[in-house]
Amino acid sequence: MSKTAQFEILGSQQFIQWLNIEKVSLVFTTYQSNRLILTRHLK
């Protein structure tokens, strides 16, 4: 049976607010868990 890789993402409220103020999106990957992670500004 294959074991699913686990990961955790932590961020501060200030970081989320900064993303919204600057209207910034971030995309990053992790080869270890074979995932694409997207954070984006919402209106």
PDB file of N, CA and C in Angstrom:
ATOM      1  N   MET A   1       0.848  -1.172   0.000  1.00  0.00           N
ATOM      2  CA  MET A   1       0.000   0.000   0.000  1.00  0.00           C
ATOM      3  C   MET A   1       0.900   1.243   0.000  1.00  0.00           C
ATOM      4  N   SER A   2       0.618   2.185  -0.884  1.00  0.00           N
ATOM      5  CA  SER A   2       1.441   3.392  -0.946  1.00  0.00           C
ATOM      6  C   SER A   2       1.035   4.369   0.151  1.00  0.00           C
ATOM      7  N   LYS A   3       2.011   5.076   0.624  1.00  0.00           N
ATOM      8  CA  LYS A   3       1.788   6.045   1.683  1.00  0.00           C
ATOM      9  C   LYS A   3       1.657   7.432   1.053  1.00  0.00           C
ATOM     10  N   THR A   4       0.610   8.164   1.402  1.00  0.00           N
ATOM     11  CA  THR A   4       0.383   9.506   0.872  1.00  0.00           C
ATOM     12  C   THR A   4       1.267  10.496   1.608  1.00  0.00           C
ATOM     13  N   ALA A   5       1.972  11.328   0.839  1.00  0.00           N
ATOM     14  CA  ALA A   5       2.812  12.360   1.444  1.00  0.00           C
ATOM     15  C   ALA A   5       1.928  13.426   2.075  1.00  0.00           C
ATOM     16  N   GLN A   6       2.335  13.900   3.223  1.00  0.00           N
ATOM     17  CA  GLN A   6       1.584  14.938   3.913  1.00  0.00           C
ATOM     18  C   GLN A   6       2.425  16.202   3.975  1.00  0.00           C
ATOM     19  N   PHE A   7       1.766  17.332   3.896  1.00  0.00           N
ATOM     20  CA  PHE A   7       2.461  18.600   4.052  1.00  0.00           C
ATOM     21  C   PHE A   7       1.534  19.600   4.700  1.00  0.00           C
ATOM     22  N   GLU A   8       2.117  20.644   5.243  1.00  0.00           N
ATOM     23  CA  GLU A   8       1.355  21.670   5.940  1.00  0.00           C
ATOM     24  C   GLU A   8       1.872  23.035   5.507  1.00  0.00           C
ATOM     25  N   ILE A   9       0.964  23.958   5.279  1.00  0.00           N
ATOM     26  CA  ILE A   9       1.328  25.313   4.903  1.00  0.00           C
ATOM     27  C   ILE A   9       0.818  26.255   5.976  1.00  0.00           C
ATOM     28  N   LEU A  10       1.707  27.048   6.516  1.00  0.00           N
ATOM     29  CA  LEU A  10       1.344  28.012   7.545  1.00  0.00           C
ATOM     30  C   LEU A  10       1.663  29.412   7.036  1.00  0.00           C
ATOM     31  N   GLY A  11       0.803  30.354   7.329  1.00  0.00           N
ATOM     32  CA  GLY A  11       1.044  31.743   6.947  1.00  0.00           C
ATOM     33  C   GLY A  11       0.395  32.672   7.938  1.00  0.00           C
ATOM     34  N   SER A  12       0.910  33.858   8.032  1.00  0.00           N
ATOM     35  CA  SER A  12       0.341  34.825   8.960  1.00  0.00           C
ATOM     36  C   SER A  12      -0.800  35.579   8.289  1.00  0.00           C
ATOM     37  N   GLN A  13      -1.664  36.183   9.088  1.00  0.00           N
ATOM     38  CA  GLN A  13      -2.743  37.009   8.553  1.00  0.00           C
ATOM     39  C   GLN A  13      -2.177  38.185   7.776  1.00  0.00           C
ATOM     40  N   GLN A  14      -1.040  38.706   8.216  1.00  0.00           N
ATOM     41  CA  GLN A  14      -0.423  39.822   7.523  1.00  0.00           C
ATOM     42  C   GLN A  14      -0.006  39.428   6.107  1.00  0.00           C
ATOM     43  N   PHE A  15       0.443  38.213   5.919  1.00  0.00           N
ATOM     44  CA  PHE A  15       0.835  37.747   4.594  1.00  0.00           C
ATOM     45  C   PHE A  15      -0.381  37.686   3.671  1.00  0.00           C
ATOM     46  N   ILE A  16      -1.482  37.162   4.152  1.00  0.00           N
ATOM     47  CA  ILE A  16      -2.709  37.092   3.366  1.00  0.00           C
ATOM     48  C   ILE A  16      -3.191  38.498   3.019  1.00  0.00           C
ATOM     49  N   GLN A  17      -3.167  39.405   3.992  1.00  0.00           N
ATOM     50  CA  GLN A  17      -3.562  40.787   3.738  1.00  0.00           C
ATOM     51  C   GLN A  17      -2.652  41.435   2.705  1.00  0.00           C
ATOM     52  N   TRP A  18      -1.353  41.177   2.790  1.00  0.00           N
ATOM     53  CA  TRP A  18      -0.402  41.731   1.826  1.00  0.00           C
ATOM     54  C   TRP A  18      -0.697  41.227   0.415  1.00  0.00           C
ATOM     55  N   LEU A  19      -0.990  39.933   0.284  1.00  0.00           N
ATOM     56  CA  LEU A  19      -1.350  39.396  -1.031  1.00  0.00           C
ATOM     57  C   LEU A  19      -2.551  40.138  -1.607  1.00  0.00           C
ATOM     58  N   ASN A  20      -3.549  40.383  -0.778  1.00  0.00           N
ATOM     59  CA  ASN A  20      -4.752  41.086  -1.228  1.00  0.00           C
ATOM     60  C   ASN A  20      -4.477  42.546  -1.578  1.00  0.00           C
ATOM     61  N   ILE A  21      -3.712  43.234  -0.759  1.00  0.00           N
ATOM     62  CA  ILE A  21      -3.395  44.642  -1.016  1.00  0.00           C
ATOM     63  C   ILE A  21      -2.607  44.793  -2.310  1.00  0.00           C
ATOM     64  N   GLU A  22      -1.622  43.943  -2.494  1.00  0.00           N
ATOM     65  CA  GLU A  22      -0.757  44.023  -3.675  1.00  0.00           C
ATOM     66  C   GLU A  22      -1.337  43.311  -4.896  1.00  0.00           C
ATOM     67  N   LYS A  23      -2.450  42.605  -4.691  1.00  0.00           N
ATOM     68  CA  LYS A  23      -3.087  41.827  -5.767  1.00  0.00           C
ATOM     69  C   LYS A  23      -2.084  40.855  -6.397  1.00  0.00           C
ATOM     70  N   VAL A  24      -1.427  40.110  -5.530  1.00  0.00           N
ATOM     71  CA  VAL A  24      -0.368  39.179  -5.927  1.00  0.00           C
ATOM     72  C   VAL A  24      -0.896  37.752  -5.890  1.00  0.00           C
ATOM     73  N   SER A  25      -0.471  36.970  -6.852  1.00  0.00           N
ATOM     74  CA  SER A  25      -0.741  35.531  -6.868  1.00  0.00           C
ATOM     75  C   SER A  25       0.584  34.796  -6.781  1.00  0.00           C
ATOM     76  N   LEU A  26       0.591  33.689  -6.088  1.00  0.00           N
ATOM     77  CA  LEU A  26       1.783  32.852  -5.982  1.00  0.00           C
ATOM     78  C   LEU A  26       1.439  31.441  -6.423  1.00  0.00           C
ATOM     79  N   VAL A  27       2.338  30.842  -7.168  1.00  0.00           N
ATOM     80  CA  VAL A  27       2.197  29.445  -7.562  1.00  0.00           C
ATOM     81  C   VAL A  27       3.512  28.766  -7.249  1.00  0.00           C
ATOM     82  N   PHE A  28       3.443  27.627  -6.588  1.00  0.00           N
ATOM     83  CA  PHE A  28       4.666  26.878  -6.342  1.00  0.00           C
ATOM     84  C   PHE A  28       4.356  25.390  -6.346  1.00  0.00           C
ATOM     85  N   THR A  29       5.392  24.615  -6.525  1.00  0.00           N
ATOM     86  CA  THR A  29       5.239  23.168  -6.576  1.00  0.00           C
ATOM     87  C   THR A  29       6.149  22.517  -5.544  1.00  0.00           C
ATOM     88  N   THR A  30       5.828  21.298  -5.239  1.00  0.00           N
ATOM     89  CA  THR A  30       6.704  20.476  -4.428  1.00  0.00           C
ATOM     90  C   THR A  30       6.788  19.107  -5.076  1.00  0.00           C
ATOM     91  N   TYR A  31       7.958  18.755  -5.510  1.00  0.00           N
ATOM     92  CA  TYR A  31       8.134  17.463  -6.174  1.00  0.00           C
ATOM     93  C   TYR A  31       7.892  16.300  -5.218  1.00  0.00           C
ATOM     94  N   GLN A  32       8.076  16.524  -3.932  1.00  0.00           N
ATOM     95  CA  GLN A  32       7.938  15.438  -2.967  1.00  0.00           C
ATOM     96  C   GLN A  32       6.501  14.944  -2.863  1.00  0.00           C
ATOM     97  N   SER A  33       5.534  15.849  -2.951  1.00  0.00           N
ATOM     98  CA  SER A  33       4.139  15.417  -2.859  1.00  0.00           C
ATOM     99  C   SER A  33       3.419  15.546  -4.200  1.00  0.00           C
ATOM    100  N   ASN A  34       4.176  15.932  -5.235  1.00  0.00           N
ATOM    101  CA  ASN A  34       3.625  16.008  -6.584  1.00  0.00           C
ATOM    102  C   ASN A  34       2.384  16.900  -6.629  1.00  0.00           C
ATOM    103  N   ARG A  35       2.512  18.124  -6.086  1.00  0.00           N
ATOM    104  CA  ARG A  35       1.377  19.037  -6.001  1.00  0.00           C
ATOM    105  C   ARG A  35       1.726  20.399  -6.582  1.00  0.00           C
ATOM    106  N   LEU A  36       0.708  21.063  -7.074  1.00  0.00           N
ATOM    107  CA  LEU A  36       0.789  22.443  -7.524  1.00  0.00           C
ATOM    108  C   LEU A  36      -0.088  23.265  -6.601  1.00  0.00           C
ATOM    109  N   ILE A  37       0.454  24.308  -6.011  1.00  0.00           N
ATOM    110  CA  ILE A  37      -0.268  25.089  -5.026  1.00  0.00           C
ATOM    111  C   ILE A  37      -0.400  26.513  -5.548  1.00  0.00           C
ATOM    112  N   LEU A  38      -1.615  27.036  -5.547  1.00  0.00           N
ATOM    113  CA  LEU A  38      -1.910  28.368  -6.055  1.00  0.00           C
ATOM    114  C   LEU A  38      -2.542  29.208  -4.961  1.00  0.00           C
ATOM    115  N   THR A  39      -1.996  30.388  -4.746  1.00  0.00           N
ATOM    116  CA  THR A  39      -2.643  31.374  -3.874  1.00  0.00           C
ATOM    117  C   THR A  39      -2.916  32.578  -4.753  1.00  0.00           C
ATOM    118  N   ARG A  40      -4.094  33.170  -4.616  1.00  0.00           N
ATOM    119  CA  ARG A  40      -4.406  34.290  -5.481  1.00  0.00           C
ATOM    120  C   ARG A  40      -5.287  35.295  -4.765  1.00  0.00           C
ATOM    121  N   HIS A  41      -5.284  36.478  -5.310  1.00  0.00           N
ATOM    122  CA  HIS A  41      -6.100  37.576  -4.803  1.00  0.00           C
ATOM    123  C   HIS A  41      -7.540  37.377  -5.258  1.00  0.00           C
ATOM    124  N   LEU A  42      -8.475  37.542  -4.363  1.00  0.00           N
ATOM    125  CA  LEU A  42      -9.887  37.501  -4.696  1.00  0.00           C
ATOM    126  C   LEU A  42     -10.485  38.868  -4.486  1.00  0.00           C
ATOM    127  N   LYS A  43     -11.369  39.266  -5.358  1.00  0.00           N
ATOM    128  CA  LYS A  43     -12.020  40.574  -5.231  1.00  0.00           C
ATOM    129  C   LYS A  43     -12.961  40.600  -4.066  1.00  0.00           C
TER     130      LYS A  43
END
